[in-house]
C-alpha atoms as a PDB file:
ATOM      1  CA  MET A   1       0.225   0.018   0.145  1.00  0.00           C
ATOM      2  CA  GLU A   2       3.073   2.508   0.920  1.00  0.00           C
ATOM      3  CA  PHE A   3       4.443   1.820  -2.902  1.00  0.00           C
ATOM      4  CA  VAL A   4       0.736   2.911  -4.089  1.00  0.00           C
ATOM      5  CA  LEU A   5       0.195   5.839  -1.961  1.00  0.00           C
ATOM      6  CA  SER A   6       3.893   7.173  -2.390  1.00  0.00           C
ATOM      7  CA  ASN A   7       3.617   6.721  -6.394  1.00  0.00           C
ATOM      8  CA  ASN A   8       0.476   9.072  -6.412  1.00  0.00           C
ATOM      9  CA  VAL A   9      -1.700   6.217  -8.165  1.00  0.00           C
ATOM     10  CA  ASP A  10      -5.575   7.001  -8.753  1.00  0.00           C
ATOM     11  CA  PHE A  11      -7.435   4.354  -7.026  1.00  0.00           C
ATOM     12  CA  CYS A  12     -10.019   4.864  -9.828  1.00  0.00           C
ATOM     13  CA  LEU A  13      -7.398   3.316 -12.322  1.00  0.00           C
ATOM     14  CA  LEU A  14      -5.989   1.015  -9.919  1.00  0.00           C
ATOM     15  CA  TYR A  15      -9.299  -0.407  -9.080  1.00  0.00           C
ATOM     16  CA  ASN A  16     -10.839  -0.539 -12.728  1.00  0.00           C
ATOM     17  CA  GLU A  17     -12.421  -4.014 -11.267  1.00  0.00           C
ATOM     18  CA  HIS A  18     -15.782  -2.501 -11.585  1.00  0.00           C
ATOM     19  CA  ASP A  19     -15.969  -3.603 -15.064  1.00  0.00           C
ATOM     20  CA  GLY A  20     -14.679  -7.077 -14.148  1.00  0.00           C
ATOM     21  CA  ASN A  21     -10.863  -6.480 -14.967  1.00  0.00           C
ATOM     22  CA  THR A  22      -7.931  -6.801 -12.526  1.00  0.00           C
ATOM     23  CA  ALA A  23      -5.538  -4.059 -12.630  1.00  0.00           C
ATOM     24  CA  VAL A  24      -1.895  -5.150 -12.611  1.00  0.00           C
ATOM     25  CA  LEU A  25       0.645  -2.021 -12.372  1.00  0.00           C
ATOM     26  CA  ILE A  26       3.853  -2.198 -14.048  1.00  0.00           C
ATOM     27  CA  ALA A  27       6.937  -0.244 -12.265  1.00  0.00           C
ATOM     28  CA  VAL A  28      10.421   0.203 -12.981  1.00  0.00           C
ATOM     29  CA  ASP A  29      12.689   1.651 -10.317  1.00  0.00           C
ATOM     30  CA  ASN A  30       9.863   2.351  -8.130  1.00  0.00           C
ATOM     31  CA  LYS A  31       8.155   4.360 -10.725  1.00  0.00           C
ATOM     32  CA  ILE A  32       4.892   3.268 -12.087  1.00  0.00           C
ATOM     33  CA  ILE A  33       5.129   2.897 -15.832  1.00  0.00           C
ATOM     34  CA  GLY A  34       2.085   1.464 -16.931  1.00  0.00           C
ATOM     35  CA  MET A  35      -1.134  -0.783 -16.145  1.00  0.00           C
ATOM     36  CA  ILE A  36      -2.825  -3.611 -17.759  1.00  0.00           C
ATOM     37  CA  GLY A  37      -6.349  -4.804 -17.184  1.00  0.00           C
ATOM     38  CA  ILE A  38      -6.620  -8.528 -17.259  1.00  0.00           C
ATOM     39  CA  ALA A  39     -10.184  -9.926 -17.873  1.00  0.00           C
ATOM     40  CA  ASP A  40     -11.691 -13.514 -17.821  1.00  0.00           C
ATOM     41  CA  PRO A  41     -14.333 -13.394 -19.903  1.00  0.00           C
ATOM     42  CA  ILE A  42     -17.867 -14.960 -19.127  1.00  0.00           C
ATOM     43  CA  LYS A  43     -18.785 -18.010 -21.215  1.00  0.00           C
ATOM     44  CA  PRO A  44     -21.707 -17.141 -23.322  1.00  0.00           C
ATOM     45  CA  THR A  45     -23.595 -20.202 -21.767  1.00  0.00           C
ATOM     46  CA  ALA A  46     -23.154 -19.073 -17.920  1.00  0.00           C
ATOM     47  CA  PRO A  47     -26.315 -16.739 -17.716  1.00  0.00           C
ATOM     48  CA  LEU A  48     -28.733 -19.510 -18.972  1.00  0.00           C
ATOM     49  CA  THR A  49     -26.883 -21.893 -16.632  1.00  0.00           C
ATOM     50  CA  ILE A  50     -27.450 -19.730 -13.695  1.00  0.00           C
ATOM     51  CA  PHE A  51     -30.945 -19.149 -14.799  1.00  0.00           C
ATOM     52  CA  ALA A  52     -31.523 -23.022 -14.897  1.00  0.00           C
ATOM     53  CA  LEU A  53     -30.060 -23.785 -11.841  1.00  0.00           C
ATOM     54  CA  GLN A  54     -32.047 -21.155 -10.211  1.00  0.00           C
ATOM     55  CA  SER A  55     -35.248 -22.196 -12.139  1.00  0.00           C
ATOM     56  CA  MET A  56     -34.670 -25.788 -10.186  1.00  0.00           C
ATOM     57  CA  GLY A  57     -34.877 -23.931  -6.691  1.00  0.00           C
ATOM     58  CA  LEU A  58     -31.188 -24.006  -6.384  1.00  0.00           C
ATOM     59  CA  ASN A  59     -29.479 -21.050  -4.376  1.00  0.00           C
ATOM     60  CA  VAL A  60     -26.529 -20.066  -6.707  1.00  0.00           C
ATOM     61  CA  LEU A  61     -23.499 -18.624  -4.966  1.00  0.00           C
ATOM     62  CA  LEU A  62     -20.162 -16.739  -6.490  1.00  0.00           C
ATOM     63  CA  VAL A  63     -17.256 -17.731  -4.638  1.00  0.00           C
ATOM     64  CA  THR A  64     -14.183 -15.863  -5.960  1.00  0.00           C
ATOM     65  CA  GLY A  65     -10.693 -15.021  -4.705  1.00  0.00           C
ATOM     66  CA  ASP A  66     -10.788 -11.555  -6.246  1.00  0.00           C
ATOM     67  CA  ASN A  67     -11.997  -8.244  -4.863  1.00  0.00           C
ATOM     68  CA  MET A  68     -15.578  -7.540  -4.154  1.00  0.00           C
ATOM     69  CA  LYS A  69     -15.926  -5.014  -7.365  1.00  0.00           C
ATOM     70  CA  THR A  70     -15.203  -7.703  -9.710  1.00  0.00           C
ATOM     71  CA  ALA A  71     -17.066 -10.118  -7.780  1.00  0.00           C
ATOM     72  CA  ARG A  72     -20.361  -7.594  -8.332  1.00  0.00           C
ATOM     73  CA  ALA A  73     -19.111  -6.989 -12.009  1.00  0.00           C
ATOM     74  CA  VAL A  74     -18.976 -10.863 -12.878  1.00  0.00           C
ATOM     75  CA  ALA A  75     -22.315 -11.413 -10.975  1.00  0.00           C
ATOM     76  CA  THR A  76     -24.127  -8.821 -12.814  1.00  0.00           C
ATOM     77  CA  GLN A  77     -22.904 -10.378 -16.236  1.00  0.00           C
ATOM     78  CA  VAL A  78     -24.184 -13.794 -15.184  1.00  0.00           C
ATOM     79  CA  GLY A  79     -27.483 -12.979 -13.462  1.00  0.00           C
END
């Protein structure tokens, strides 16, 4: 966290996870020179699968090791 604060990282940029991406900062000599957004696209069949499971009366949960913003974005995409 100290590295992020000392490099004036814009938290909106750093946490672009609201789109379902994970931000990876690139630094050289303790200076941030870039950022890469990594996305794992949702399979086209996922929303229908979730709907089918819910129609069967099952409670569908999302379990992830990612952050809350990314989890919400994924949950929104799959229904």
